Amino acid sequence: MSFFREWRAYRAFRALPRAARRIVFFAESHQDWHHFKPVLDHLTGPLGEEVLYVCAEPSDPAMQQDSPRIRAYCVGKGLPRIWFCQFVEADVVVTQILDLGNLELKRSVHPVHYVFMAHSLTSAHMADRADSYDNYDTILCCGPHFAREIRKREEMQGLPAKRLIPHGYGRLDELIANRRDPPPVAGDADIHVLLAPSWGPQTILPVCGMEIADAMLAAGFRLTLRPHFQTRWKMPQVIDRIVERHRGNPRFALVEEMAERDSLLDSQVMITDWSGAGQDYGMGLEKPVIYVDLPFKARNDAWQALGIEPFESWVRDKLGALVPPAALGRLPALVRELVRDPGRFRANVASLRADWVYNIGRSGIAGAEAIAAIAREFRP
């Protein structure tokens, strides 16, 4: 039955007048909404634009939002989604799809201007494939490092120059705006540790997740496990094993919804690996991050050819501490040390943000104005 609902949604989108398909957002995951929302709010609010929002999951918040200027369609993850991508007729399509045109989701056979919006502060050239961004026309860059990496690849490969727009990072803006000091710590029972790793076979959960969870709870800390949504899709067993062991422990919690804030705001320290969540936490909430020094998370084996150290590598010791896997026994003591001095890294955070992130506090405005300007090139 879901196929027929998705097919009807696709047909309903196709039936719209061509002039109505001016600005289209396409979301592969319901999590994309949280990155798009600051831009959508300004685009459909002060700028008065009407937007079509095509998503792949019925749980996408766009399907429940009530803005009269956003019309949402759920085409699912099957054939209607592939047909949508291949045959969409629109002026501008904004999305966060990696590898557009390289895998099953292709550029449209019709002329469309594709805009990519970065969904983390991580670099463009190590965590993603070398050609992940090659088929976009415009990239809304989170910071100067992202723009520098895209330009360097274009120069090395002789690629056409994309339009690179200083955008920023809405998730960081949200965290800065909502930051609050966590509850005071009088003893180990008051320490709240957030375990928020990346996804993949060489990340914390499959490699040492159980060991870390056991150690944090044995030390008397509270522990919240906040896995990447891709882990639930691709390796659910590594989450379920930890949950099964600690289900009855009142100091253990599992959070799998990106919109949830309390675990971010009320914890004192994060443990992660190569996840962009560490950058969000450290630079947005100004709290220390412990990085477990696992192997590079690289989908591009030739990333070193650019001669640029990835931001996610460079920033780790600026935001907290770096711990090798063989020294995980030090974690409880390190957590206590960092929590004792919560202001230890705050002095550097403001300058880090200023140097590495565009449009702090106004990324939604900057992104919306850029998209509206591109759309006006097609229909003034």
Protein backbone atom coordinates (compact mmCIF):
# COMPACT_ATOMS: atom_id res chain seq x y z
CA MET A 1 0.00 0.00 0.00
CA SER A 2 2.85 2.41 0.73
CA PHE A 3 4.00 2.21 -2.89
CA PHE A 4 0.63 3.47 -4.11
CA ARG A 5 0.66 6.34 -1.59
CA GLU A 6 4.15 7.29 -2.71
CA TRP A 7 3.18 6.99 -6.38
CA ARG A 8 0.18 9.27 -5.79
CA ALA A 9 2.41 11.80 -4.04
CA TYR A 10 4.82 11.72 -6.96
CA ARG A 11 1.97 12.17 -9.44
CA ALA A 12 0.56 15.05 -7.37
CA PHE A 13 3.93 16.79 -7.48
CA ARG A 14 4.23 16.23 -11.24
CA ALA A 15 0.73 17.64 -11.76
CA LEU A 16 1.68 21.02 -10.31
CA PRO A 17 2.07 23.85 -12.82
CA ARG A 18 5.68 24.23 -13.90
CA ALA A 19 5.77 27.78 -12.51
CA ALA A 20 4.97 26.42 -9.04
CA ARG A 21 8.08 24.24 -9.10
CA ARG A 22 10.42 27.14 -8.53
CA ILE A 23 12.18 26.13 -5.32
CA VAL A 24 12.18 22.46 -4.28
CA PHE A 25 13.79 20.94 -1.18
CA PHE A 26 14.49 17.21 -1.27
CA ALA A 27 15.14 15.26 1.95
CA GLU A 28 16.35 11.67 2.06
CA SER A 29 16.01 11.48 5.86
CA HIS A 30 13.60 13.08 8.33
CA GLN A 31 16.75 14.35 10.08
CA ASP A 32 17.35 16.71 7.15
CA TRP A 33 14.43 18.86 8.31
CA HIS A 34 16.42 20.12 11.30
CA HIS A 35 19.15 21.42 8.98
CA PHE A 36 16.74 22.89 6.45
CA LYS A 37 14.38 24.55 8.92
CA PRO A 38 16.35 27.75 9.68
CA VAL A 39 16.64 28.41 5.95
CA LEU A 40 13.01 27.50 5.29
CA ASP A 41 11.81 29.78 8.10
CA HIS A 42 13.43 32.84 6.54
CA LEU A 43 12.74 31.79 2.95
CA THR A 44 9.01 31.31 3.50
CA GLY A 45 8.70 33.99 6.19
CA PRO A 46 10.38 37.36 5.60
CA LEU A 47 11.27 36.55 1.97
CA GLY A 48 7.74 35.32 1.19
CA GLU A 49 8.81 32.44 -1.08
CA GLU A 50 6.71 29.34 -1.65
CA VAL A 51 8.56 26.03 -1.38
CA LEU A 52 7.85 22.44 -2.38
CA TYR A 53 9.31 19.87 0.01
CA VAL A 54 9.77 16.32 -1.26
CA CYS A 55 10.83 13.74 1.31
CA ALA A 56 11.54 10.02 1.51
CA GLU A 57 10.15 9.28 4.98
CA PRO A 58 6.55 9.67 6.17
CA SER A 59 7.92 10.62 9.61
CA ASP A 60 9.55 13.74 8.14
CA PRO A 61 8.41 16.79 10.18
CA ALA A 62 7.61 18.52 6.89
CA MET A 63 4.59 16.23 6.59
CA GLN A 64 3.16 17.66 9.82
CA GLN A 65 4.19 21.32 9.55
CA ASP A 66 1.41 23.84 8.86
CA SER A 67 3.06 26.63 6.89
CA PRO A 68 0.83 27.66 3.96
CA ARG A 69 4.00 28.37 1.96
CA ILE A 70 5.42 24.82 2.25
CA ARG A 71 3.72 21.97 0.38
CA ALA A 72 5.14 18.56 1.30
CA TYR A 73 5.11 15.28 -0.64
CA CYS A 74 6.44 11.92 0.57
CA VAL A 75 7.71 9.80 -2.33
CA GLY A 76 9.30 7.09 -0.16
CA LYS A 77 12.60 5.30 -0.73
CA GLY A 78 11.64 3.17 -3.73
CA LEU A 79 11.02 3.80 -7.41
CA PRO A 80 9.01 7.04 -7.04
CA ARG A 81 12.04 8.62 -5.31
CA ILE A 82 14.33 7.54 -8.17
CA TRP A 83 11.85 8.80 -10.76
CA PHE A 84 11.48 12.08 -8.92
CA CYS A 85 15.24 12.69 -8.96
CA GLN A 86 15.70 11.67 -12.57
CA PHE A 87 12.76 13.59 -14.06
CA VAL A 88 12.15 16.55 -11.74
CA GLU A 89 11.42 19.80 -13.53
CA ALA A 90 12.24 22.73 -11.27
CA ASP A 91 14.33 25.87 -11.21
CA VAL A 92 16.25 25.11 -8.02
CA VAL A 93 16.58 21.89 -6.00
CA VAL A 94 18.13 22.17 -2.54
CA THR A 95 19.27 18.94 -0.93
CA GLN A 96 21.87 17.22 1.25
CA ILE A 97 22.31 14.15 -0.96
CA LEU A 98 25.90 12.96 -1.10
CA ASP A 99 27.12 11.53 -4.40
CA LEU A 100 24.38 13.08 -6.49
CA GLY A 101 24.65 11.59 -9.96
CA ASN A 102 27.19 8.96 -8.90
CA LEU A 103 24.89 6.34 -7.38
CA GLU A 104 21.18 5.59 -7.87
CA LEU A 105 19.98 9.19 -7.45
CA LYS A 106 20.82 11.07 -10.63
CA ARG A 107 20.62 14.65 -11.76
CA SER A 108 17.41 15.37 -13.63
CA VAL A 109 17.30 14.95 -17.38
CA HIS A 110 15.81 18.47 -17.35
CA PRO A 111 17.76 21.68 -16.63
CA VAL A 112 17.82 22.13 -12.85
CA HIS A 113 20.14 24.19 -10.64
CA TYR A 114 21.27 21.95 -7.77
CA VAL A 115 22.23 23.42 -4.40
CA PHE A 116 23.96 21.37 -1.71
CA MET A 117 23.63 22.40 1.93
CA ALA A 118 26.34 21.10 4.26
CA HIS A 119 24.94 19.21 7.27
CA SER A 120 28.03 19.26 9.50
CA LEU A 121 31.32 21.08 9.91
CA THR A 122 33.39 18.13 8.69
CA SER A 123 35.64 18.55 5.68
CA ALA A 124 34.61 17.69 2.15
CA HIS A 125 37.54 15.50 1.15
CA MET A 126 38.05 12.68 3.67
CA ALA A 127 34.75 11.48 5.18
CA ASP A 128 33.07 11.63 1.76
CA ARG A 129 34.02 10.21 -1.62
CA ALA A 130 36.35 12.27 -3.75
CA ASP A 131 33.57 13.05 -6.24
CA SER A 132 30.68 13.39 -3.77
CA TYR A 133 30.12 17.08 -4.60
CA ASP A 134 31.18 17.19 -8.24
CA ASN A 135 27.66 17.26 -9.70
CA TYR A 136 26.33 20.27 -7.83
CA ASP A 137 26.01 23.77 -9.27
CA THR A 138 26.11 25.62 -5.96
CA ILE A 139 27.33 24.65 -2.50
CA LEU A 140 26.24 26.44 0.65
CA CYS A 141 29.49 26.14 2.59
CA CYS A 142 29.63 25.83 6.36
CA GLY A 143 33.03 27.46 6.60
CA PRO A 144 36.13 28.54 4.66
CA HIS A 145 37.73 25.10 4.99
CA PHE A 146 34.87 23.50 3.01
CA ALA A 147 35.15 26.09 0.24
CA ARG A 148 38.94 25.71 0.13
CA GLU A 149 38.68 21.92 -0.23
CA ILE A 150 36.08 22.09 -3.02
CA ARG A 151 38.17 24.65 -4.95
CA LYS A 152 41.35 22.61 -4.56
CA ARG A 153 39.66 19.52 -6.04
CA GLU A 154 38.27 21.57 -8.93
CA GLU A 155 41.76 22.87 -9.71
CA MET A 156 43.39 19.43 -9.45
CA GLN A 157 40.76 17.68 -11.59
CA GLY A 158 40.04 20.50 -14.05
CA LEU A 159 36.38 20.65 -13.00
CA PRO A 160 34.05 23.57 -13.74
CA ALA A 161 33.98 26.05 -10.87
CA LYS A 162 30.90 25.77 -8.69
CA ARG A 163 29.22 28.69 -7.02
CA LEU A 164 30.44 28.57 -3.42
CA ILE A 165 28.35 30.62 -1.02
CA PRO A 166 29.30 31.45 2.58
CA HIS A 167 26.38 29.97 4.46
CA GLY A 168 27.27 28.71 7.94
CA TYR A 169 25.75 25.95 9.98
CA GLY A 170 22.24 26.20 11.39
CA ARG A 171 22.73 23.40 13.88
CA LEU A 172 25.57 25.33 15.50
CA ASP A 173 23.47 28.50 15.61
CA GLU A 174 20.68 26.60 17.33
CA LEU A 175 23.01 25.15 19.96
CA ILE A 176 24.59 28.53 20.69
CA ALA A 177 21.18 30.15 21.05
CA ASN A 178 19.91 27.46 23.42
CA ARG A 179 23.09 26.83 25.40
CA ARG A 180 22.74 26.57 29.16
CA ASP A 181 25.09 25.48 31.89
CA PRO A 182 24.58 21.85 32.90
CA PRO A 183 23.65 21.02 36.50
CA PRO A 184 26.50 21.55 38.99
CA VAL A 185 28.69 18.58 39.87
CA ALA A 186 29.21 17.63 43.52
CA GLY A 187 30.31 14.05 42.90
CA ASP A 188 30.46 11.24 40.36
CA ALA A 189 26.70 10.66 40.47
CA ASP A 190 26.18 14.20 39.11
CA ILE A 191 28.45 13.69 36.08
CA HIS A 192 26.50 13.12 32.87
CA VAL A 193 28.49 11.68 29.95
CA LEU A 194 27.14 11.76 26.40
CA LEU A 195 28.40 8.96 24.14
CA ALA A 196 27.74 10.19 20.59
CA PRO A 197 29.87 8.35 18.02
CA SER A 198 29.86 8.38 14.26
CA TRP A 199 28.75 5.41 12.16
CA GLY A 200 30.69 2.74 10.34
CA PRO A 201 32.69 -0.42 11.10
CA GLN A 202 35.72 1.39 12.59
CA THR A 203 33.83 3.68 14.96
CA ILE A 204 33.21 3.51 18.70
CA LEU A 205 30.10 1.37 18.90
CA PRO A 206 31.35 -1.70 16.98
CA VAL A 207 34.95 -1.35 18.24
CA CYS A 208 34.73 -0.39 21.91
CA GLY A 209 31.21 0.86 22.63
CA MET A 210 30.42 -1.75 25.25
CA GLU A 211 33.75 -1.20 27.01
CA ILE A 212 33.15 2.55 27.26
CA ALA A 213 29.53 2.17 28.37
CA ASP A 214 30.51 -0.33 31.07
CA ALA A 215 33.34 1.91 32.31
CA MET A 216 31.22 5.06 32.52
CA LEU A 217 28.44 3.37 34.45
CA ALA A 218 30.85 1.47 36.70
CA ALA A 219 32.45 4.82 37.59
CA GLY A 220 29.08 6.01 38.87
CA PHE A 221 28.40 8.47 36.04
CA ARG A 222 25.16 8.93 34.15
CA LEU A 223 25.48 7.83 30.53
CA THR A 224 23.34 8.76 27.53
CA LEU A 225 23.99 6.85 24.32
CA ARG A 226 23.17 8.99 21.28
CA PRO A 227 24.07 6.92 18.17
CA HIS A 228 24.17 8.28 14.64
CA PHE A 229 20.95 7.48 12.78
CA GLN A 230 22.94 5.62 10.12
CA THR A 231 24.03 3.15 12.82
CA ARG A 232 20.40 2.23 13.48
CA TRP A 233 19.94 1.64 9.75
CA LYS A 234 23.15 -0.27 9.04
CA MET A 235 24.37 -1.84 12.33
CA PRO A 236 21.43 -1.88 14.79
CA GLN A 237 22.91 -4.78 16.75
CA VAL A 238 25.74 -2.64 18.17
CA ILE A 239 23.15 -0.34 19.73
CA ASP A 240 20.86 -3.11 20.89
CA ARG A 241 23.61 -5.03 22.70
CA ILE A 242 24.47 -2.04 24.89
CA VAL A 243 20.81 -1.26 25.53
CA GLU A 244 20.07 -4.87 26.48
CA ARG A 245 22.92 -4.98 29.00
CA HIS A 246 22.07 -1.68 30.68
CA ARG A 247 18.33 -1.45 30.16
CA GLY A 248 17.60 -1.79 33.89
CA ASN A 249 20.16 0.81 34.99
CA PRO A 250 18.43 4.10 35.88
CA ARG A 251 21.65 5.99 35.05
CA PHE A 252 21.59 4.80 31.44
CA ALA A 253 19.50 6.32 28.64
CA LEU A 254 19.23 5.94 24.86
CA VAL A 255 18.41 8.89 22.58
CA GLU A 256 17.87 8.35 18.85
CA GLU A 257 16.09 11.54 17.84
CA MET A 258 18.21 14.41 16.57
CA ALA A 259 15.68 17.01 17.76
CA GLU A 260 16.12 15.93 21.39
CA ARG A 261 18.11 18.59 23.27
CA ASP A 262 18.21 17.73 26.96
CA SER A 263 21.02 15.18 26.70
CA LEU A 264 23.12 17.74 24.83
CA LEU A 265 22.37 20.60 27.19
CA ASP A 266 22.49 18.74 30.52
CA SER A 267 25.60 16.60 29.99
CA GLN A 268 29.02 17.86 31.02
CA VAL A 269 31.24 16.02 28.52
CA MET A 270 30.93 14.13 25.24
CA ILE A 271 32.82 11.03 24.08
CA THR A 272 33.00 10.56 20.32
CA ASP A 273 35.33 9.54 17.47
CA TRP A 274 35.09 11.18 14.04
CA SER A 275 31.51 12.35 14.44
CA GLY A 276 30.60 15.91 13.53
CA ALA A 277 28.60 15.86 16.76
CA GLY A 278 31.82 16.56 18.65
CA GLN A 279 32.30 19.80 16.74
CA ASP A 280 28.66 20.78 17.36
CA TYR A 281 28.99 20.06 21.08
CA GLY A 282 32.36 21.71 21.62
CA MET A 283 31.88 24.78 19.41
CA GLY A 284 28.16 25.24 20.02
CA LEU A 285 27.75 24.35 23.69
CA GLU A 286 31.32 25.21 24.73
CA LYS A 287 31.81 21.95 26.61
CA PRO A 288 34.76 19.53 26.41
CA VAL A 289 34.88 16.59 24.04
CA ILE A 290 36.91 13.39 24.46
CA TYR A 291 37.90 11.89 21.12
CA VAL A 292 38.75 8.20 20.94
CA ASP A 293 41.54 8.08 18.37
CA LEU A 294 40.18 5.39 16.06
CA PRO A 295 41.28 5.06 12.40
CA PHE A 296 40.40 7.86 10.02
CA LYS A 297 36.84 7.64 8.81
CA ALA A 298 37.70 7.99 5.15
CA ARG A 299 35.51 7.19 2.16
CA ASN A 300 38.13 8.83 -0.04
CA ASP A 301 41.39 6.86 -0.02
CA ALA A 302 43.16 9.68 -1.87
CA TRP A 303 42.19 12.49 0.52
CA GLN A 304 45.84 13.30 1.31
CA ALA A 305 46.42 14.33 -2.31
CA LEU A 306 44.73 17.68 -1.57
CA GLY A 307 47.45 18.49 0.98
CA ILE A 308 44.87 19.85 3.44
CA GLU A 309 44.38 18.42 6.93
CA PRO A 310 40.66 17.72 7.42
CA PHE A 311 38.95 20.03 9.89
CA GLU A 312 37.62 17.08 11.91
CA SER A 313 41.21 15.95 12.48
CA TRP A 314 42.76 19.36 13.14
CA VAL A 315 40.14 20.47 15.67
CA ARG A 316 40.11 17.46 17.99
CA ASP A 317 42.74 18.52 20.53
CA LYS A 318 41.43 22.11 20.38
CA LEU A 319 38.07 21.03 21.80
CA GLY A 320 39.14 18.55 24.46
CA ALA A 321 41.28 15.46 24.79
CA LEU A 322 42.45 12.73 22.44
CA VAL A 323 42.59 9.18 23.85
CA PRO A 324 44.05 6.14 22.07
CA PRO A 325 41.94 2.96 22.17
CA ALA A 326 44.61 1.23 24.26
CA ALA A 327 44.18 3.84 27.01
CA LEU A 328 40.41 3.66 27.53
CA GLY A 329 41.04 2.81 31.17
CA ARG A 330 41.96 6.49 31.62
CA LEU A 331 38.50 7.67 30.61
CA PRO A 332 36.87 7.94 34.06
CA ALA A 333 39.77 9.98 35.44
CA LEU A 334 39.85 12.16 32.33
CA VAL A 335 36.11 12.80 32.55
CA ARG A 336 36.51 13.91 36.18
CA GLU A 337 39.42 16.19 35.24
CA LEU A 338 37.54 17.91 32.43
CA VAL A 339 34.36 18.33 34.46
CA ARG A 340 36.31 19.95 37.32
CA ASP A 341 37.28 22.81 35.01
CA PRO A 342 34.34 23.42 32.64
CA GLY A 343 35.81 26.70 31.40
CA ARG A 344 39.09 25.14 30.32
CA PHE A 345 38.38 25.25 26.59
CA ARG A 346 35.83 28.08 26.43
CA ALA A 347 38.39 30.81 25.91
CA ASN A 348 39.35 29.39 22.52
CA VAL A 349 35.88 28.50 21.26
CA ALA A 350 34.84 31.99 20.17
CA SER A 351 37.98 32.48 18.06
CA LEU A 352 37.64 28.96 16.64
CA ARG A 353 34.11 29.70 15.52
CA ALA A 354 35.05 33.07 14.04
CA ASP A 355 37.88 31.52 12.02
CA TRP A 356 36.14 28.36 10.84
CA VAL A 357 32.37 29.00 10.56
CA TYR A 358 30.51 31.45 8.34
CA ASN A 359 27.63 33.69 9.44
CA ILE A 360 27.42 32.65 13.08
CA GLY A 361 23.93 33.36 14.36
CA ARG A 362 22.49 34.16 10.93
CA SER A 363 23.13 31.14 8.71
CA GLY A 364 19.40 30.66 8.07
CA ILE A 365 19.14 34.19 6.71
CA ALA A 366 22.27 33.84 4.60
CA GLY A 367 21.18 30.51 3.12
CA ALA A 368 17.65 31.70 2.37
CA GLU A 369 18.85 34.88 0.68
CA ALA A 370 21.27 32.88 -1.48
CA ILE A 371 18.59 30.40 -2.59
CA ALA A 372 16.08 33.16 -3.32
CA ALA A 373 18.68 35.03 -5.38
CA ILE A 374 19.41 31.92 -7.46
CA ALA A 375 15.69 31.36 -8.01
CA ARG A 376 15.27 34.96 -9.20
CA GLU A 377 17.82 34.28 -11.94
CA PHE A 378 15.28 31.89 -13.47
CA ARG A 379 12.08 33.80 -12.68
CA PRO A 380 12.66 37.42 -11.57
